[in-house]
């Protein structure tokens, strides 16, 4: 069965986009020196997670250009997008590029790009927009500025079968189960939870989706400076937190062994062999 080295990079996001990319570049290089093959960045890793700043930090994947060194990014029109392509190629890694504000046809999306060795393999636009209003505590409405994506994003790779979502997508079990039905073994969710919802839900919802799907779940966040609960983590298919970070910048390096997925599914086949389609079923639109 397949095994790969995973890196989760939790970086400190500031208002200077290039400074954030410098931090990400340094951490990705460190991950590569430790043998990382699959690297993950956090949601909005290169800009503040504030709806008021999304437009000014927006970029277009349609205008992506190849650069030969990091210095060229300083004059790039789309430095985040160009950085992801550059880093994946320069380091020869599979890169789950966190997310950034994608501008397309006058609409903004919260978008994750997935690259391998410089090639763009997939794009996931956040499907479920985070609209919440807790009186006297917290109000945040992504739908005021963002448009929702319309795809269930799944990839078969040389490392395994991967499913992708962004943050609030993880809160909807049917989305993760749709990825499981497509064959996912690892679910990636670049995610920033705030200091109100994070302590209650962040790890718990990751554990729930791991148990629902019998998949590894990867949560990649930003550090506390981005108004984030942080605590990036890897959760195994049994719902065990393999490793988690705290509030500050950090790097997780762990082996992901897909034999754990398949042995668990064989021994307790509740995500496949014991489903009752005669009583209920999940339909993919």
Protein backbone atom coordinates (compact mmCIF):
# COMPACT_ATOMS: atom_id res chain seq x y z
CA UNK A 1 0.00 0.00 0.00
CA UNK A 2 1.06 3.62 -0.55
CA UNK A 3 2.87 5.65 2.08
CA UNK A 4 3.98 9.25 1.74
CA UNK A 5 5.54 12.01 3.83
CA UNK A 6 3.12 14.84 4.58
CA UNK A 7 3.97 18.40 5.59
CA UNK A 8 1.44 20.89 6.96
CA UNK A 9 2.75 24.46 7.01
CA UNK A 10 1.12 26.83 9.50
CA UNK A 11 2.43 30.30 8.79
CA UNK A 12 1.97 33.78 10.17
CA UNK A 13 -0.03 35.83 7.67
CA UNK A 14 0.54 39.60 7.60
CA UNK A 15 -0.71 42.35 5.28
CA UNK A 16 2.39 42.18 3.05
CA UNK A 17 1.73 39.49 0.46
CA UNK A 18 5.37 38.98 -0.54
CA UNK A 19 6.42 38.67 3.09
CA UNK A 20 3.87 35.88 3.51
CA UNK A 21 5.20 34.14 0.42
CA UNK A 22 8.74 34.40 1.77
CA UNK A 23 7.59 32.68 4.95
CA UNK A 24 5.78 29.96 3.00
CA UNK A 25 8.81 29.45 0.75
CA UNK A 26 11.12 29.05 3.72
CA UNK A 27 8.82 26.54 5.38
CA UNK A 28 8.28 24.54 2.19
CA UNK A 29 12.03 24.32 1.66
CA UNK A 30 12.43 23.04 5.21
CA UNK A 31 9.69 20.48 4.64
CA UNK A 32 11.40 19.28 1.47
CA UNK A 33 14.74 18.82 3.27
CA UNK A 34 12.90 16.53 5.70
CA UNK A 35 11.56 14.41 2.86
CA UNK A 36 8.08 15.88 2.43
CA UNK A 37 6.34 14.78 -0.76
CA UNK A 38 2.86 16.24 -0.17
CA UNK A 39 2.78 19.76 1.30
CA UNK A 40 -0.22 21.71 2.54
CA UNK A 41 -0.67 25.45 3.12
CA UNK A 42 -3.46 27.12 5.06
CA UNK A 43 -6.61 28.92 4.02
CA UNK A 44 -5.78 32.49 2.88
CA UNK A 45 -2.15 31.80 3.75
CA UNK A 46 -0.82 34.85 1.89
CA UNK A 47 -3.33 37.55 2.83
CA UNK A 48 -5.55 38.53 5.77
CA UNK A 49 -8.70 36.49 6.23
CA UNK A 50 -10.99 39.52 6.07
CA UNK A 51 -13.74 39.90 3.50
CA UNK A 52 -12.91 43.60 3.23
CA UNK A 53 -9.43 42.77 1.88
CA UNK A 54 -10.31 39.96 -0.53
CA UNK A 55 -10.77 42.14 -3.60
CA UNK A 56 -7.49 44.03 -3.17
CA UNK A 57 -5.65 40.72 -2.72
CA UNK A 58 -7.47 38.88 -5.50
CA UNK A 59 -5.60 37.15 -8.32
CA UNK A 60 -6.48 35.23 -11.46
CA UNK A 61 -5.28 31.73 -12.21
CA UNK A 62 -5.98 32.44 -15.88
CA UNK A 63 -3.07 34.90 -15.81
CA UNK A 64 -0.58 32.53 -14.17
CA UNK A 65 2.98 32.89 -15.47
CA UNK A 66 6.00 30.68 -14.86
CA UNK A 67 8.85 32.26 -12.92
CA UNK A 68 12.37 30.88 -12.60
CA UNK A 69 13.23 32.25 -9.15
CA UNK A 70 11.56 33.74 -6.11
CA UNK A 71 12.74 37.29 -6.82
CA UNK A 72 10.59 37.46 -9.95
CA UNK A 73 7.50 37.17 -7.78
CA UNK A 74 8.10 40.66 -6.40
CA UNK A 75 7.02 42.17 -9.71
CA UNK A 76 4.37 39.58 -10.56
CA UNK A 77 0.76 40.62 -11.11
CA UNK A 78 -0.38 37.34 -9.51
CA UNK A 79 2.34 36.47 -7.00
CA UNK A 80 0.34 33.90 -5.00
CA UNK A 81 -0.67 31.88 -8.04
CA UNK A 82 2.79 32.15 -9.61
CA UNK A 83 4.40 31.20 -6.29
CA UNK A 84 2.39 28.00 -5.99
CA UNK A 85 3.39 26.94 -9.50
CA UNK A 86 7.03 27.90 -8.88
CA UNK A 87 7.34 26.22 -5.47
CA UNK A 88 5.77 22.95 -6.60
CA UNK A 89 8.13 22.78 -9.58
CA UNK A 90 11.30 23.97 -7.86
CA UNK A 91 10.87 21.55 -4.96
CA UNK A 92 9.26 18.76 -7.00
CA UNK A 93 6.35 18.39 -4.58
CA UNK A 94 2.61 17.81 -4.60
CA UNK A 95 1.30 21.10 -3.24
CA UNK A 96 -2.15 21.77 -1.79
CA UNK A 97 -2.00 25.53 -2.10
CA UNK A 98 -4.14 26.61 0.84
CA UNK A 99 -6.44 29.23 -0.60
CA UNK A 100 -6.52 32.76 -1.96
CA UNK A 101 -9.18 35.17 -3.35
CA UNK A 102 -9.73 34.21 -7.00
CA UNK A 103 -11.24 36.86 -9.30
CA UNK A 104 -13.09 35.56 -12.34
CA UNK A 105 -15.71 37.25 -14.51
CA UNK A 106 -16.23 39.91 -11.87
CA UNK A 107 -16.84 37.36 -9.10
CA UNK A 108 -14.66 36.44 -6.13
CA UNK A 109 -14.08 32.85 -5.01
CA UNK A 110 -12.18 31.32 -2.11
CA UNK A 111 -9.96 29.04 -4.18
CA UNK A 112 -7.49 26.24 -3.57
CA UNK A 113 -5.09 25.30 -6.35
CA UNK A 114 -3.43 21.89 -6.39
CA UNK A 115 -0.10 21.55 -8.18
CA UNK A 116 2.38 18.76 -8.78
CA UNK A 117 5.87 19.61 -10.02
CA UNK A 118 4.64 22.83 -11.65
CA UNK A 119 1.51 21.38 -13.25
CA UNK A 120 -1.92 22.59 -12.15
CA UNK A 121 -3.95 19.46 -11.42
CA UNK A 122 -7.14 20.88 -9.94
CA UNK A 123 -8.91 23.94 -8.62
CA UNK A 124 -11.40 23.85 -5.76
CA UNK A 125 -13.68 26.82 -5.11
CA UNK A 126 -15.16 26.79 -1.63
CA UNK A 127 -18.62 25.26 -1.97
CA UNK A 128 -20.21 26.29 1.33
CA UNK A 129 -19.87 29.94 2.31
CA UNK A 130 -19.46 30.78 5.98
CA UNK A 131 -22.38 32.98 7.02
CA UNK A 132 -22.81 33.17 10.76
CA UNK A 133 -24.32 35.65 13.20
CA UNK A 134 -23.96 34.94 16.92
CA UNK A 135 -25.58 37.93 18.69
CA UNK A 136 -23.12 40.01 20.71
CA UNK A 137 -20.28 37.62 19.88
CA UNK A 138 -19.46 37.09 16.23
CA UNK A 139 -20.75 37.98 12.79
CA UNK A 140 -19.16 36.98 9.49
CA UNK A 141 -20.79 36.69 6.06
CA UNK A 142 -18.64 35.41 3.22
CA UNK A 143 -21.60 35.56 0.86
CA UNK A 144 -21.45 39.36 0.95
CA UNK A 145 -18.29 39.21 -1.18
CA UNK A 146 -17.73 35.60 -2.30
CA UNK A 147 -19.51 33.34 -4.77
CA UNK A 148 -19.80 29.59 -4.05
CA UNK A 149 -18.06 26.91 -6.05
CA UNK A 150 -20.01 24.11 -7.72
CA UNK A 151 -17.64 21.15 -7.83
CA UNK A 152 -16.81 18.14 -5.69
CA UNK A 153 -13.03 18.10 -6.09
CA UNK A 154 -11.36 14.69 -6.23
CA UNK A 155 -8.03 13.52 -7.63
CA UNK A 156 -6.40 10.15 -8.18
CA UNK A 157 -2.68 10.67 -7.60
CA UNK A 158 0.43 8.53 -7.34
CA UNK A 159 0.24 9.04 -3.58
CA UNK A 160 -3.37 8.00 -3.20
CA UNK A 161 -6.92 9.20 -3.79
CA UNK A 162 -7.38 12.74 -2.52
CA UNK A 163 -10.48 14.80 -1.82
CA UNK A 164 -10.49 18.56 -1.30
CA UNK A 165 -12.60 21.16 0.44
CA UNK A 166 -12.03 24.50 2.13
CA UNK A 167 -12.88 25.28 5.75
CA UNK A 168 -16.69 25.41 6.09
CA UNK A 169 -17.00 22.63 3.51
CA UNK A 170 -15.93 20.25 6.28
CA UNK A 171 -19.02 21.11 8.32
CA UNK A 172 -21.27 19.31 5.81
CA UNK A 173 -21.00 15.51 6.16
CA UNK A 174 -22.59 14.76 2.79
CA UNK A 175 -19.82 16.63 0.98
CA UNK A 176 -17.15 14.48 2.62
CA UNK A 177 -19.20 11.33 2.02
CA UNK A 178 -19.46 12.26 -1.65
CA UNK A 179 -15.65 12.38 -1.75
CA UNK A 180 -15.52 9.04 0.04
CA UNK A 181 -17.87 7.50 -2.52
CA UNK A 182 -15.57 8.73 -5.28
CA UNK A 183 -12.77 6.78 -3.59
CA UNK A 184 -11.03 9.36 -1.38
CA UNK A 185 -8.51 8.09 1.15
CA UNK A 186 -7.26 11.47 2.37
CA UNK A 187 -9.36 14.63 2.77
CA UNK A 188 -7.63 18.01 2.67
CA UNK A 189 -9.33 21.05 4.19
CA UNK A 190 -7.29 24.27 4.34
CA UNK A 191 -9.20 25.92 7.18
CA UNK A 192 -9.21 28.99 9.37
CA UNK A 193 -11.60 28.77 12.30
CA UNK A 194 -11.94 31.85 14.52
CA UNK A 195 -11.37 32.06 18.24
CA UNK A 196 -15.12 31.68 18.90
CA UNK A 197 -15.84 28.60 16.77
CA UNK A 198 -12.35 27.06 16.74
CA UNK A 199 -12.11 25.80 20.33
CA UNK A 200 -15.53 24.15 20.01
CA UNK A 201 -15.50 22.76 16.47
CA UNK A 202 -12.10 22.69 14.77
CA UNK A 203 -10.70 19.38 15.96
CA UNK A 204 -14.10 17.87 16.67
CA UNK A 205 -15.45 18.36 13.16
CA UNK A 206 -12.20 16.99 11.68
CA UNK A 207 -12.50 13.90 13.86
CA UNK A 208 -16.15 13.50 12.86
CA UNK A 209 -15.35 13.59 9.13
CA UNK A 210 -12.46 11.14 9.60
CA UNK A 211 -14.83 8.71 11.32
CA UNK A 212 -17.65 9.34 8.82
CA UNK A 213 -15.42 8.52 5.84
CA UNK A 214 -12.66 6.31 7.28
CA UNK A 215 -10.20 8.76 5.71
CA UNK A 216 -7.20 10.69 6.94
CA UNK A 217 -8.19 14.33 7.42
CA UNK A 218 -5.68 17.15 6.97
CA UNK A 219 -6.52 20.57 8.42
CA UNK A 220 -4.15 23.37 7.39
CA UNK A 221 -4.57 26.71 9.14
CA UNK A 222 -2.75 30.00 9.69
CA UNK A 223 -1.24 31.06 13.00
CA UNK A 224 -3.03 33.25 15.54
CA UNK A 225 -1.88 36.52 13.90
CA UNK A 226 -4.47 35.91 11.17
CA UNK A 227 -7.27 36.00 13.78
CA UNK A 228 -7.14 32.23 13.63
CA UNK A 229 -7.60 29.44 16.15
CA UNK A 230 -4.69 27.83 14.25
CA UNK A 231 -4.07 24.25 15.53
CA UNK A 232 -3.36 22.67 12.12
CA UNK A 233 -3.51 18.91 12.46
CA UNK A 234 -3.46 15.46 10.93
CA UNK A 235 -6.24 13.06 11.96
CA UNK A 236 -6.13 9.37 11.16
CA UNK A 237 -9.10 7.28 9.89
CA UNK A 238 -9.82 6.10 13.44
CA UNK A 239 -10.40 9.71 14.52
CA UNK A 240 -7.10 9.98 16.39
CA UNK A 241 -5.22 13.29 16.22
CA UNK A 242 -1.79 12.17 15.05
CA UNK A 243 -0.24 15.60 15.56
CA UNK A 244 -1.48 19.14 16.09
CA UNK A 245 0.17 22.52 16.32
CA UNK A 246 -0.68 25.34 18.71
CA UNK A 247 -1.35 28.99 18.01
CA UNK A 248 2.04 29.91 16.59
CA UNK A 249 3.83 29.18 13.33
CA UNK A 250 4.92 25.60 12.92
CA UNK A 251 5.43 22.59 10.70
CA UNK A 252 3.92 19.12 10.94
CA UNK A 253 5.86 16.29 9.31
CA UNK A 254 4.22 12.88 9.40
CA UNK A 255 4.11 9.65 7.41
CA UNK A 256 0.67 8.86 6.00
CA UNK A 257 0.19 5.13 5.54
CA UNK A 258 -2.85 4.25 3.44
CA UNK A 259 -2.71 0.68 4.72
CA UNK A 260 -4.36 2.13 7.84
CA UNK A 261 -7.27 3.26 5.70
CA UNK A 262 -7.75 -0.02 3.89
CA UNK A 263 -7.32 -2.31 6.87
CA UNK A 264 -9.85 -0.27 8.86
CA UNK A 265 -12.34 -0.34 5.97
CA UNK A 266 -11.87 -4.08 5.54
CA UNK A 267 -12.29 -4.85 9.23
CA UNK A 268 -15.25 -2.51 9.81
CA UNK A 269 -16.78 -1.78 6.38
CA UNK A 270 -19.40 0.78 7.40
CA UNK A 271 -18.53 3.30 4.66
CA UNK A 272 -19.10 0.82 1.87
CA UNK A 273 -20.25 -2.74 2.42
CA UNK A 274 -22.80 -2.01 5.14
CA UNK A 275 -24.56 0.99 3.58
CA UNK A 276 -28.30 0.44 2.89
CA UNK A 277 -29.03 1.97 -0.56
CA UNK A 278 -32.46 0.35 -0.38
CA UNK A 279 -33.26 2.78 2.44
CA UNK A 280 -31.09 5.81 1.68
CA UNK A 281 -28.48 6.98 -0.80
CA UNK A 282 -26.31 9.95 -1.60
CA UNK A 283 -26.81 11.43 -5.07
CA UNK A 284 -24.05 13.41 -6.80
CA UNK A 285 -25.37 16.23 -8.95
